[in-house]
Amino acid sequence: MATFKIIDVRKIPSAEPNRMGKLDHLVTYQLDAFRTYMVTIAADALTEDILKEAIRKDLEAMDRFTGKEFST
């Protein structure tokens, strides 16, 4: 897993249809000075392990296409 720094954690209303009326944490994290990203985690489920797993999944999703070239 990449090394990352947590920049900010905010509670926001959930945008997921099955979580309407509940709160989520919007976590902003940074890999380096040029790469800053966000993940959303249910407010009732925020632990260090869940945070690491959410960021790992986010990075894996981005890596699927990083460096690939496409043409139309």
PDB file of N, CA and C in Angstrom:
ATOM      1  N   MET A   1       0.837  -1.178   0.000  1.00  0.00           N
ATOM      2  CA  MET A   1       0.000   0.000   0.000  1.00  0.00           C
ATOM      3  C   MET A   1       0.878   1.234   0.000  1.00  0.00           C
ATOM      4  N   ALA A   2       0.413   2.262  -0.659  1.00  0.00           N
ATOM      5  CA  ALA A   2       1.129   3.526  -0.737  1.00  0.00           C
ATOM      6  C   ALA A   2       1.089   4.242   0.612  1.00  0.00           C
ATOM      7  N   THR A   3       2.061   5.081   0.841  1.00  0.00           N
ATOM      8  CA  THR A   3       2.057   5.936   2.023  1.00  0.00           C
ATOM      9  C   THR A   3       1.177   7.133   1.726  1.00  0.00           C
ATOM     10  N   PHE A   4       0.310   7.483   2.659  1.00  0.00           N
ATOM     11  CA  PHE A   4      -0.583   8.615   2.452  1.00  0.00           C
ATOM     12  C   PHE A   4      -0.724   9.410   3.737  1.00  0.00           C
ATOM     13  N   LYS A   5      -1.179  10.636   3.579  1.00  0.00           N
ATOM     14  CA  LYS A   5      -1.400  11.541   4.703  1.00  0.00           C
ATOM     15  C   LYS A   5      -2.858  11.982   4.675  1.00  0.00           C
ATOM     16  N   ILE A   6      -3.529  11.921   5.820  1.00  0.00           N
ATOM     17  CA  ILE A   6      -4.909  12.401   5.910  1.00  0.00           C
ATOM     18  C   ILE A   6      -4.855  13.924   6.037  1.00  0.00           C
ATOM     19  N   ILE A   7      -5.494  14.605   5.092  1.00  0.00           N
ATOM     20  CA  ILE A   7      -5.508  16.061   5.076  1.00  0.00           C
ATOM     21  C   ILE A   7      -6.701  16.615   5.857  1.00  0.00           C
ATOM     22  N   ASP A   8      -7.873  15.955   5.703  1.00  0.00           N
ATOM     23  CA  ASP A   8      -9.078  16.474   6.335  1.00  0.00           C
ATOM     24  C   ASP A   8     -10.120  15.372   6.463  1.00  0.00           C
ATOM     25  N   VAL A   9     -10.950  15.454   7.478  1.00  0.00           N
ATOM     26  CA  VAL A   9     -12.087  14.552   7.662  1.00  0.00           C
ATOM     27  C   VAL A   9     -13.287  15.415   8.010  1.00  0.00           C
ATOM     28  N   ARG A  10     -14.348  15.317   7.219  1.00  0.00           N
ATOM     29  CA  ARG A  10     -15.579  16.109   7.421  1.00  0.00           C
ATOM     30  C   ARG A  10     -16.786  15.200   7.426  1.00  0.00           C
ATOM     31  N   LYS A  11     -17.759  15.523   8.258  1.00  0.00           N
ATOM     32  CA  LYS A  11     -19.037  14.823   8.202  1.00  0.00           C
ATOM     33  C   LYS A  11     -19.925  15.523   7.187  1.00  0.00           C
ATOM     34  N   ILE A  12     -20.525  14.718   6.311  1.00  0.00           N
ATOM     35  CA  ILE A  12     -21.417  15.258   5.279  1.00  0.00           C
ATOM     36  C   ILE A  12     -22.666  14.383   5.202  1.00  0.00           C
ATOM     37  N   PRO A  13     -23.767  14.918   4.714  1.00  0.00           N
ATOM     38  CA  PRO A  13     -24.946  14.074   4.484  1.00  0.00           C
ATOM     39  C   PRO A  13     -24.626  13.032   3.420  1.00  0.00           C
ATOM     40  N   SER A  14     -25.068  11.812   3.641  1.00  0.00           N
ATOM     41  CA  SER A  14     -24.792  10.742   2.691  1.00  0.00           C
ATOM     42  C   SER A  14     -25.511  10.987   1.371  1.00  0.00           C
ATOM     43  N   ALA A  15     -24.819  10.691   0.278  1.00  0.00           N
ATOM     44  CA  ALA A  15     -25.408  10.817  -1.060  1.00  0.00           C
ATOM     45  C   ALA A  15     -25.937   9.476  -1.562  1.00  0.00           C
ATOM     46  N   GLU A  16     -25.717   8.410  -0.806  1.00  0.00           N
ATOM     47  CA  GLU A  16     -26.190   7.086  -1.214  1.00  0.00           C
ATOM     48  C   GLU A  16     -27.676   6.954  -0.910  1.00  0.00           C
ATOM     49  N   PRO A  17     -28.449   6.475  -1.881  1.00  0.00           N
ATOM     50  CA  PRO A  17     -29.905   6.370  -1.683  1.00  0.00           C
ATOM     51  C   PRO A  17     -30.310   5.546  -0.458  1.00  0.00           C
ATOM     52  N   ASN A  18     -29.572   4.491  -0.163  1.00  0.00           N
ATOM     53  CA  ASN A  18     -29.935   3.659   0.982  1.00  0.00           C
ATOM     54  C   ASN A  18     -29.443   4.213   2.317  1.00  0.00           C
ATOM     55  N   ARG A  19     -28.745   5.343   2.284  1.00  0.00           N
ATOM     56  CA  ARG A  19     -28.255   5.981   3.516  1.00  0.00           C
ATOM     57  C   ARG A  19     -28.798   7.400   3.687  1.00  0.00           C
ATOM     58  N   MET A  20     -29.863   7.734   2.990  1.00  0.00           N
ATOM     59  CA  MET A  20     -30.447   9.077   3.111  1.00  0.00           C
ATOM     60  C   MET A  20     -30.800   9.369   4.572  1.00  0.00           C
ATOM     61  N   GLY A  21     -30.466  10.572   4.999  1.00  0.00           N
ATOM     62  CA  GLY A  21     -30.723  10.972   6.377  1.00  0.00           C
ATOM     63  C   GLY A  21     -29.596  10.620   7.336  1.00  0.00           C
ATOM     64  N   LYS A  22     -28.580   9.929   6.849  1.00  0.00           N
ATOM     65  CA  LYS A  22     -27.440   9.557   7.675  1.00  0.00           C
ATOM     66  C   LYS A  22     -26.220  10.369   7.260  1.00  0.00           C
ATOM     67  N   LEU A  23     -25.183  10.312   8.087  1.00  0.00           N
ATOM     68  CA  LEU A  23     -23.962  11.050   7.798  1.00  0.00           C
ATOM     69  C   LEU A  23     -22.842  10.122   7.355  1.00  0.00           C
ATOM     70  N   ASP A  24     -21.967  10.653   6.523  1.00  0.00           N
ATOM     71  CA  ASP A  24     -20.747   9.968   6.090  1.00  0.00           C
ATOM     72  C   ASP A  24     -19.564  10.869   6.418  1.00  0.00           C
ATOM     73  N   HIS A  25     -18.387  10.257   6.422  1.00  0.00           N
ATOM     74  CA  HIS A  25     -17.149  11.029   6.544  1.00  0.00           C
ATOM     75  C   HIS A  25     -16.570  11.191   5.156  1.00  0.00           C
ATOM     76  N   LEU A  26     -16.255  12.409   4.782  1.00  0.00           N
ATOM     77  CA  LEU A  26     -15.529  12.686   3.547  1.00  0.00           C
ATOM     78  C   LEU A  26     -14.066  12.856   3.956  1.00  0.00           C
ATOM     79  N   VAL A  27     -13.235  11.913   3.554  1.00  0.00           N
ATOM     80  CA  VAL A  27     -11.830  11.891   3.959  1.00  0.00           C
ATOM     81  C   VAL A  27     -10.978  12.333   2.780  1.00  0.00           C
ATOM     82  N   THR A  28     -10.214  13.387   2.964  1.00  0.00           N
ATOM     83  CA  THR A  28      -9.285  13.873   1.946  1.00  0.00           C
ATOM     84  C   THR A  28      -7.899  13.370   2.320  1.00  0.00           C
ATOM     85  N   TYR A  29      -7.257  12.678   1.372  1.00  0.00           N
ATOM     86  CA  TYR A  29      -5.919  12.153   1.647  1.00  0.00           C
ATOM     87  C   TYR A  29      -4.973  12.541   0.526  1.00  0.00           C
ATOM     88  N   GLN A  30      -3.681  12.543   0.847  1.00  0.00           N
ATOM     89  CA  GLN A  30      -2.669  12.997  -0.107  1.00  0.00           C
ATOM     90  C   GLN A  30      -1.554  11.962  -0.202  1.00  0.00           C
ATOM     91  N   LEU A  31      -1.193  11.633  -1.446  1.00  0.00           N
ATOM     92  CA  LEU A  31      -0.060  10.736  -1.679  1.00  0.00           C
ATOM     93  C   LEU A  31       1.240  11.516  -1.767  1.00  0.00           C
ATOM     94  N   ASP A  32       1.182  12.642  -2.462  1.00  0.00           N
ATOM     95  CA  ASP A  32       2.321  13.551  -2.567  1.00  0.00           C
ATOM     96  C   ASP A  32       1.769  14.934  -2.887  1.00  0.00           C
ATOM     97  N   ALA A  33       2.637  15.886  -3.152  1.00  0.00           N
ATOM     98  CA  ALA A  33       2.200  17.270  -3.360  1.00  0.00           C
ATOM     99  C   ALA A  33       1.279  17.449  -4.558  1.00  0.00           C
ATOM    100  N   PHE A  34       1.290  16.509  -5.496  1.00  0.00           N
ATOM    101  CA  PHE A  34       0.499  16.642  -6.717  1.00  0.00           C
ATOM    102  C   PHE A  34      -0.711  15.724  -6.784  1.00  0.00           C
ATOM    103  N   ARG A  35      -0.852  14.819  -5.829  1.00  0.00           N
ATOM    104  CA  ARG A  35      -1.950  13.847  -5.881  1.00  0.00           C
ATOM    105  C   ARG A  35      -2.733  13.842  -4.567  1.00  0.00           C
ATOM    106  N   THR A  36      -3.901  14.475  -4.614  1.00  0.00           N
ATOM    107  CA  THR A  36      -4.806  14.545  -3.475  1.00  0.00           C
ATOM    108  C   THR A  36      -6.159  13.989  -3.902  1.00  0.00           C
ATOM    109  N   TYR A  37      -6.709  13.084  -3.105  1.00  0.00           N
ATOM    110  CA  TYR A  37      -7.950  12.394  -3.450  1.00  0.00           C
ATOM    111  C   TYR A  37      -8.899  12.364  -2.255  1.00  0.00           C
ATOM    112  N   MET A  38     -10.128  11.890  -2.485  1.00  0.00           N
ATOM    113  CA  MET A  38     -11.127  11.788  -1.426  1.00  0.00           C
ATOM    114  C   MET A  38     -11.834  10.444  -1.482  1.00  0.00           C
ATOM    115  N   VAL A  39     -12.230   9.954  -0.318  1.00  0.00           N
ATOM    116  CA  VAL A  39     -13.088   8.779  -0.194  1.00  0.00           C
ATOM    117  C   VAL A  39     -14.195   9.112   0.790  1.00  0.00           C
ATOM    118  N   THR A  40     -15.314   8.412   0.659  1.00  0.00           N
ATOM    119  CA  THR A  40     -16.434   8.593   1.574  1.00  0.00           C
ATOM    120  C   THR A  40     -16.634   7.305   2.355  1.00  0.00           C
ATOM    121  N   ILE A  41     -16.790   7.444   3.661  1.00  0.00           N
ATOM    122  CA  ILE A  41     -16.961   6.296   4.550  1.00  0.00           C
ATOM    123  C   ILE A  41     -18.137   6.586   5.475  1.00  0.00           C
ATOM    124  N   ALA A  42     -18.970   5.578   5.705  1.00  0.00           N
ATOM    125  CA  ALA A  42     -20.106   5.748   6.607  1.00  0.00           C
ATOM    126  C   ALA A  42     -19.627   6.251   7.967  1.00  0.00           C
ATOM    127  N   ALA A  43     -20.321   7.262   8.505  1.00  0.00           N
ATOM    128  CA  ALA A  43     -19.900   7.888   9.752  1.00  0.00           C
ATOM    129  C   ALA A  43     -19.891   6.903  10.920  1.00  0.00           C
ATOM    130  N   ASP A  44     -20.773   5.920  10.884  1.00  0.00           N
ATOM    131  CA  ASP A  44     -20.836   4.959  11.985  1.00  0.00           C
ATOM    132  C   ASP A  44     -19.806   3.843  11.849  1.00  0.00           C
ATOM    133  N   ALA A  45     -18.986   3.879  10.818  1.00  0.00           N
ATOM    134  CA  ALA A  45     -18.033   2.799  10.570  1.00  0.00           C
ATOM    135  C   ALA A  45     -16.601   3.288  10.412  1.00  0.00           C
ATOM    136  N   LEU A  46     -16.260   4.455  10.910  1.00  0.00           N
ATOM    137  CA  LEU A  46     -14.916   4.992  10.694  1.00  0.00           C
ATOM    138  C   LEU A  46     -13.943   4.444  11.735  1.00  0.00           C
ATOM    139  N   THR A  47     -13.060   3.573  11.269  1.00  0.00           N
ATOM    140  CA  THR A  47     -11.951   3.077  12.077  1.00  0.00           C
ATOM    141  C   THR A  47     -10.703   3.181  11.212  1.00  0.00           C
ATOM    142  N   GLU A  48      -9.565   3.033  11.811  1.00  0.00           N
ATOM    143  CA  GLU A  48      -8.320   3.111  11.047  1.00  0.00           C
ATOM    144  C   GLU A  48      -8.252   2.017   9.987  1.00  0.00           C
ATOM    145  N   ASP A  49      -8.658   0.802  10.332  1.00  0.00           N
ATOM    146  CA  ASP A  49      -8.616  -0.300   9.370  1.00  0.00           C
ATOM    147  C   ASP A  49      -9.580  -0.067   8.207  1.00  0.00           C
ATOM    148  N   ILE A  50     -10.785   0.406   8.502  1.00  0.00           N
ATOM    149  CA  ILE A  50     -11.763   0.692   7.444  1.00  0.00           C
ATOM    150  C   ILE A  50     -11.265   1.824   6.562  1.00  0.00           C
ATOM    151  N   LEU A  51     -10.642   2.829   7.152  1.00  0.00           N
ATOM    152  CA  LEU A  51     -10.080   3.948   6.396  1.00  0.00           C
ATOM    153  C   LEU A  51      -8.988   3.454   5.440  1.00  0.00           C
ATOM    154  N   LYS A  52      -8.076   2.642   5.933  1.00  0.00           N
ATOM    155  CA  LYS A  52      -6.999   2.108   5.096  1.00  0.00           C
ATOM    156  C   LYS A  52      -7.561   1.269   3.949  1.00  0.00           C
ATOM    157  N   GLU A  53      -8.568   0.450   4.245  1.00  0.00           N
ATOM    158  CA  GLU A  53      -9.174  -0.402   3.219  1.00  0.00           C
ATOM    159  C   GLU A  53      -9.862   0.436   2.142  1.00  0.00           C
ATOM    160  N   ALA A  54     -10.572   1.480   2.550  1.00  0.00           N
ATOM    161  CA  ALA A  54     -11.259   2.356   1.586  1.00  0.00           C
ATOM    162  C   ALA A  54     -10.244   3.043   0.674  1.00  0.00           C
ATOM    163  N   ILE A  55      -9.149   3.491   1.233  1.00  0.00           N
ATOM    164  CA  ILE A  55      -8.117   4.160   0.427  1.00  0.00           C
ATOM    165  C   ILE A  55      -7.424   3.147  -0.483  1.00  0.00           C
ATOM    166  N   ARG A  56      -7.157   1.937   0.005  1.00  0.00           N
ATOM    167  CA  ARG A  56      -6.554   0.905  -0.822  1.00  0.00           C
ATOM    168  C   ARG A  56      -7.436   0.602  -2.031  1.00  0.00           C
ATOM    169  N   LYS A  57      -8.742   0.453  -1.813  1.00  0.00           N
ATOM    170  CA  LYS A  57      -9.668   0.184  -2.913  1.00  0.00           C
ATOM    171  C   LYS A  57      -9.719   1.352  -3.892  1.00  0.00           C
ATOM    172  N   ASP A  58      -9.687   2.574  -3.371  1.00  0.00           N
ATOM    173  CA  ASP A  58      -9.707   3.758  -4.223  1.00  0.00           C
ATOM    174  C   ASP A  58      -8.471   3.794  -5.125  1.00  0.00           C
ATOM    175  N   LEU A  59      -7.317   3.516  -4.551  1.00  0.00           N
ATOM    176  CA  LEU A  59      -6.078   3.526  -5.328  1.00  0.00           C
ATOM    177  C   LEU A  59      -6.052   2.399  -6.357  1.00  0.00           C
ATOM    178  N   GLU A  60      -6.556   1.230  -6.000  1.00  0.00           N
ATOM    179  CA  GLU A  60      -6.626   0.126  -6.952  1.00  0.00           C
ATOM    180  C   GLU A  60      -7.516   0.477  -8.145  1.00  0.00           C
ATOM    181  N   ALA A  61      -8.634   1.139  -7.873  1.00  0.00           N
ATOM    182  CA  ALA A  61      -9.543   1.537  -8.953  1.00  0.00           C
ATOM    183  C   ALA A  61      -8.861   2.518  -9.904  1.00  0.00           C
ATOM    184  N   MET A  62      -8.080   3.447  -9.363  1.00  0.00           N
ATOM    185  CA  MET A  62      -7.377   4.409 -10.212  1.00  0.00           C
ATOM    186  C   MET A  62      -6.257   3.748 -11.000  1.00  0.00           C
ATOM    187  N   ASP A  63      -5.579   2.780 -10.383  1.00  0.00           N
ATOM    188  CA  ASP A  63      -4.443   2.109 -11.037  1.00  0.00           C
ATOM    189  C   ASP A  63      -4.857   1.287 -12.245  1.00  0.00           C
ATOM    190  N   ARG A  64      -6.127   0.900 -12.319  1.00  0.00           N
ATOM    191  CA  ARG A  64      -6.594   0.114 -13.464  1.00  0.00           C
ATOM    192  C   ARG A  64      -6.332   0.832 -14.783  1.00  0.00           C
ATOM    193  N   PHE A  65      -6.418   2.150 -14.788  1.00  0.00           N
ATOM    194  CA  PHE A  65      -6.290   2.911 -16.018  1.00  0.00           C
ATOM    195  C   PHE A  65      -5.048   3.801 -16.077  1.00  0.00           C
ATOM    196  N   THR A  66      -4.337   3.924 -14.997  1.00  0.00           N
ATOM    197  CA  THR A  66      -3.170   4.794 -14.975  1.00  0.00           C
ATOM    198  C   THR A  66      -2.121   4.295 -15.963  1.00  0.00           C
ATOM    199  N   GLY A  67      -1.693   5.180 -16.841  1.00  0.00           N
ATOM    200  CA  GLY A  67      -0.652   4.867 -17.811  1.00  0.00           C
ATOM    201  C   GLY A  67      -1.137   4.206 -19.089  1.00  0.00           C
ATOM    202  N   LYS A  68      -2.418   3.913 -19.189  1.00  0.00           N
ATOM    203  CA  LYS A  68      -2.951   3.284 -20.395  1.00  0.00           C
ATOM    204  C   LYS A  68      -3.292   4.348 -21.428  1.00  0.00           C
ATOM    205  N   GLU A  69      -3.067   4.012 -22.671  1.00  0.00           N
ATOM    206  CA  GLU A  69      -3.397   4.934 -23.756  1.00  0.00           C
ATOM    207  C   GLU A  69      -4.600   4.398 -24.516  1.00  0.00           C
ATOM    208  N   PHE A  70      -5.467   5.316 -24.920  1.00  0.00           N
ATOM    209  CA  PHE A  70      -6.682   4.956 -25.639  1.00  0.00           C
ATOM    210  C   PHE A  70      -6.754   5.771 -26.923  1.00  0.00           C
ATOM    211  N   SER A  71      -7.435   5.223 -27.903  1.00  0.00           N
ATOM    212  CA  SER A  71      -7.707   5.991 -29.112  1.00  0.00           C
ATOM    213  C   SER A  71      -9.159   5.730 -29.505  1.00  0.00           C
ATOM    214  N   THR A  72      -9.737   6.675 -30.242  1.00  0.00           N
ATOM    215  CA  THR A  72     -11.122   6.515 -30.656  1.00  0.00           C
ATOM    216  C   THR A  72     -11.208   6.284 -32.142  1.00  0.00           C
TER     217      THR A  72
END
